[in-house]
Structures are given as C-alpha cells and as structure tokens.
Amino acid sequence: MASDLTQERQQAFALLERLSAEKLRVVRSLLEVIVDDEEELTEKLTLSNAPVDDEPETDVERAAVAQARASLKNSGGKGIPHDEAMQRLGLE
C-alpha cells in the first residue's frame, strides 16, 4: 500500500516537472485549495463569496422559474430524483 502511494507521488512529481511556470502556478493554487482544512474549503466554495448577479432577469428566465415552481407544486414539493434527471439528460 505504501509503495502504491510512493508510486503515485513519483508520477505526480514527474508530471509537475513537465509543466510550464504558468501551469505550475495554477496546479499549486488548486493543491492549496484541496489541502485546506474543511472549514476553509467550504468558505472558499460558498456562494457567499460570489459576486452579486446584477443583470436583470429575462423573460425566458422568469418563465423557466415559473415552470419549475409549478412543477414542484404539482409534485407535492418533491423534485426529480437524481437518477431520473440523469436519464432525462441522457447522461445515464
């Protein structure tokens, strides 16, 4: 098991050696996010840090939201199960 981890690290280091400086900075940033403790990671990924959507809602968006709300109301507040949604999207 330990040798598997050692081999994984060696392969990762070999790939890192092949990266340009710019790509290496991107990978380093990604690794920092991955190794942050859970609380910090959660904070970085929350929508509370996202910019405010200041674009006006379009007629198409309003219609889509109304359709979604009507669908939820008609289904007793239950959404579509994940498996069914994946099938509808042709992803399963």
C-alpha atoms as a PDB file:
ATOM      1  CA  MET A   1       0.000   0.000   0.000  1.00  0.00           C
ATOM      2  CA  ALA A   2       2.765   2.456   0.940  1.00  0.00           C
ATOM      3  CA  SER A   3       4.590   1.657  -2.289  1.00  0.00           C
ATOM      4  CA  ASP A   4       1.407   2.491  -4.227  1.00  0.00           C
ATOM      5  CA  LEU A   5       1.343   5.915  -2.574  1.00  0.00           C
ATOM      6  CA  THR A   6       5.041   6.378  -3.268  1.00  0.00           C
ATOM      7  CA  GLN A   7       4.497   5.477  -6.901  1.00  0.00           C
ATOM      8  CA  GLU A   8       1.543   7.890  -7.151  1.00  0.00           C
ATOM      9  CA  ARG A   9       3.683  10.690  -5.726  1.00  0.00           C
ATOM     10  CA  GLN A  10       6.550   9.933  -8.082  1.00  0.00           C
ATOM     11  CA  GLN A  11       4.180  10.035 -11.050  1.00  0.00           C
ATOM     12  CA  ALA A  12       2.697  13.323  -9.820  1.00  0.00           C
ATOM     13  CA  PHE A  13       6.152  14.858  -9.374  1.00  0.00           C
ATOM     14  CA  ALA A  14       7.143  13.697 -12.858  1.00  0.00           C
ATOM     15  CA  LEU A  15       4.106  15.427 -14.311  1.00  0.00           C
ATOM     16  CA  LEU A  16       4.801  18.591 -12.320  1.00  0.00           C
ATOM     17  CA  GLU A  17       8.320  18.717 -13.754  1.00  0.00           C
ATOM     18  CA  ARG A  18       6.851  18.890 -17.253  1.00  0.00           C
ATOM     19  CA  LEU A  19       4.602  21.905 -16.583  1.00  0.00           C
ATOM     20  CA  SER A  20       5.282  25.456 -17.673  1.00  0.00           C
ATOM     21  CA  ALA A  21       5.651  28.060 -14.925  1.00  0.00           C
ATOM     22  CA  GLU A  22       2.130  29.365 -15.564  1.00  0.00           C
ATOM     23  CA  LYS A  23       0.516  25.929 -15.395  1.00  0.00           C
ATOM     24  CA  LEU A  24       2.543  25.072 -12.309  1.00  0.00           C
ATOM     25  CA  ARG A  25       1.120  28.149 -10.537  1.00  0.00           C
ATOM     26  CA  VAL A  26      -2.403  27.014 -11.429  1.00  0.00           C
ATOM     27  CA  VAL A  27      -1.757  23.495 -10.123  1.00  0.00           C
ATOM     28  CA  ARG A  28      -0.206  24.864  -6.929  1.00  0.00           C
ATOM     29  CA  SER A  29      -3.275  27.008  -6.337  1.00  0.00           C
ATOM     30  CA  LEU A  30      -5.518  24.017  -6.886  1.00  0.00           C
ATOM     31  CA  LEU A  31      -3.474  21.923  -4.474  1.00  0.00           C
ATOM     32  CA  GLU A  32      -3.708  24.651  -1.842  1.00  0.00           C
ATOM     33  CA  VAL A  33      -7.479  24.545  -2.118  1.00  0.00           C
ATOM     34  CA  ILE A  34      -7.512  20.753  -1.898  1.00  0.00           C
ATOM     35  CA  VAL A  35      -5.339  20.572   1.219  1.00  0.00           C
ATOM     36  CA  ASP A  36      -7.040  23.412   3.098  1.00  0.00           C
ATOM     37  CA  ASP A  37      -8.991  22.212   6.075  1.00  0.00           C
ATOM     38  CA  GLU A  38     -12.666  21.572   5.508  1.00  0.00           C
ATOM     39  CA  GLU A  39     -13.899  24.819   7.018  1.00  0.00           C
ATOM     40  CA  GLU A  40     -11.645  26.958   4.859  1.00  0.00           C
ATOM     41  CA  LEU A  41     -12.503  24.933   1.778  1.00  0.00           C
ATOM     42  CA  THR A  42     -16.213  25.297   2.468  1.00  0.00           C
ATOM     43  CA  GLU A  43     -15.783  29.048   2.880  1.00  0.00           C
ATOM     44  CA  LYS A  44     -13.893  29.306  -0.419  1.00  0.00           C
ATOM     45  CA  LEU A  45     -16.537  27.354  -2.284  1.00  0.00           C
ATOM     46  CA  THR A  46     -19.664  29.018  -0.888  1.00  0.00           C
ATOM     47  CA  LEU A  47     -21.811  31.325  -2.902  1.00  0.00           C
ATOM     48  CA  SER A  48     -21.387  33.961  -0.204  1.00  0.00           C
ATOM     49  CA  ASN A  49     -18.117  34.845  -1.912  1.00  0.00           C
ATOM     50  CA  ALA A  50     -19.640  35.005  -5.377  1.00  0.00           C
ATOM     51  CA  PRO A  51     -20.312  38.370  -6.992  1.00  0.00           C
ATOM     52  CA  VAL A  52     -23.881  39.605  -6.933  1.00  0.00           C
ATOM     53  CA  ASP A  53     -25.792  38.892 -10.138  1.00  0.00           C
ATOM     54  CA  ASP A  54     -26.759  42.390 -11.159  1.00  0.00           C
ATOM     55  CA  GLU A  55     -28.158  41.514 -14.577  1.00  0.00           C
ATOM     56  CA  PRO A  56     -31.910  41.853 -14.894  1.00  0.00           C
ATOM     57  CA  GLU A  57     -33.889  38.628 -15.153  1.00  0.00           C
ATOM     58  CA  THR A  58     -35.008  37.928 -18.708  1.00  0.00           C
ATOM     59  CA  ASP A  59     -38.486  36.852 -19.778  1.00  0.00           C
ATOM     60  CA  VAL A  60     -37.086  33.417 -20.622  1.00  0.00           C
ATOM     61  CA  GLU A  61     -35.579  33.080 -17.140  1.00  0.00           C
ATOM     62  CA  ARG A  62     -38.816  34.215 -15.473  1.00  0.00           C
ATOM     63  CA  ALA A  63     -40.763  31.639 -17.491  1.00  0.00           C
ATOM     64  CA  ALA A  64     -38.295  28.886 -16.567  1.00  0.00           C
ATOM     65  CA  VAL A  65     -38.554  29.741 -12.865  1.00  0.00           C
ATOM     66  CA  ALA A  66     -42.354  29.798 -13.049  1.00  0.00           C
ATOM     67  CA  GLN A  67     -42.332  26.415 -14.790  1.00  0.00           C
ATOM     68  CA  ALA A  68     -40.010  24.963 -12.148  1.00  0.00           C
ATOM     69  CA  ARG A  69     -42.145  26.296  -9.300  1.00  0.00           C
ATOM     70  CA  ALA A  70     -45.307  24.920 -10.909  1.00  0.00           C
ATOM     71  CA  SER A  71     -43.639  21.542 -11.356  1.00  0.00           C
ATOM     72  CA  LEU A  72     -42.628  21.463  -7.686  1.00  0.00           C
ATOM     73  CA  LYS A  73     -46.120  22.499  -6.616  1.00  0.00           C
ATOM     74  CA  ASN A  74     -47.709  19.779  -8.763  1.00  0.00           C
ATOM     75  CA  SER A  75     -45.357  17.133  -7.360  1.00  0.00           C
ATOM     76  CA  GLY A  76     -46.076  17.991  -3.738  1.00  0.00           C
ATOM     77  CA  GLY A  77     -42.777  19.838  -3.325  1.00  0.00           C
ATOM     78  CA  LYS A  78     -40.644  16.918  -4.446  1.00  0.00           C
ATOM     79  CA  GLY A  79     -38.121  17.398  -7.201  1.00  0.00           C
ATOM     80  CA  ILE A  80     -36.939  14.900  -9.761  1.00  0.00           C
ATOM     81  CA  PRO A  81     -34.848  12.048  -8.349  1.00  0.00           C
ATOM     82  CA  HIS A  82     -31.194  12.250  -9.402  1.00  0.00           C
ATOM     83  CA  ASP A  83     -31.312   9.016 -11.423  1.00  0.00           C
ATOM     84  CA  GLU A  84     -34.342  10.218 -13.380  1.00  0.00           C
ATOM     85  CA  ALA A  85     -32.758  13.604 -14.035  1.00  0.00           C
ATOM     86  CA  MET A  86     -29.620  11.927 -15.355  1.00  0.00           C
ATOM     87  CA  GLN A  87     -31.715   9.723 -17.646  1.00  0.00           C
ATOM     88  CA  ARG A  88     -33.705  12.711 -18.935  1.00  0.00           C
ATOM     89  CA  LEU A  89     -30.433  14.449 -19.768  1.00  0.00           C
ATOM     90  CA  GLY A  90     -29.094  11.342 -21.487  1.00  0.00           C
ATOM     91  CA  LEU A  91     -26.233  11.087 -19.020  1.00  0.00           C
ATOM     92  CA  GLU A  92     -27.011   7.607 -17.777  1.00  0.00           C
END
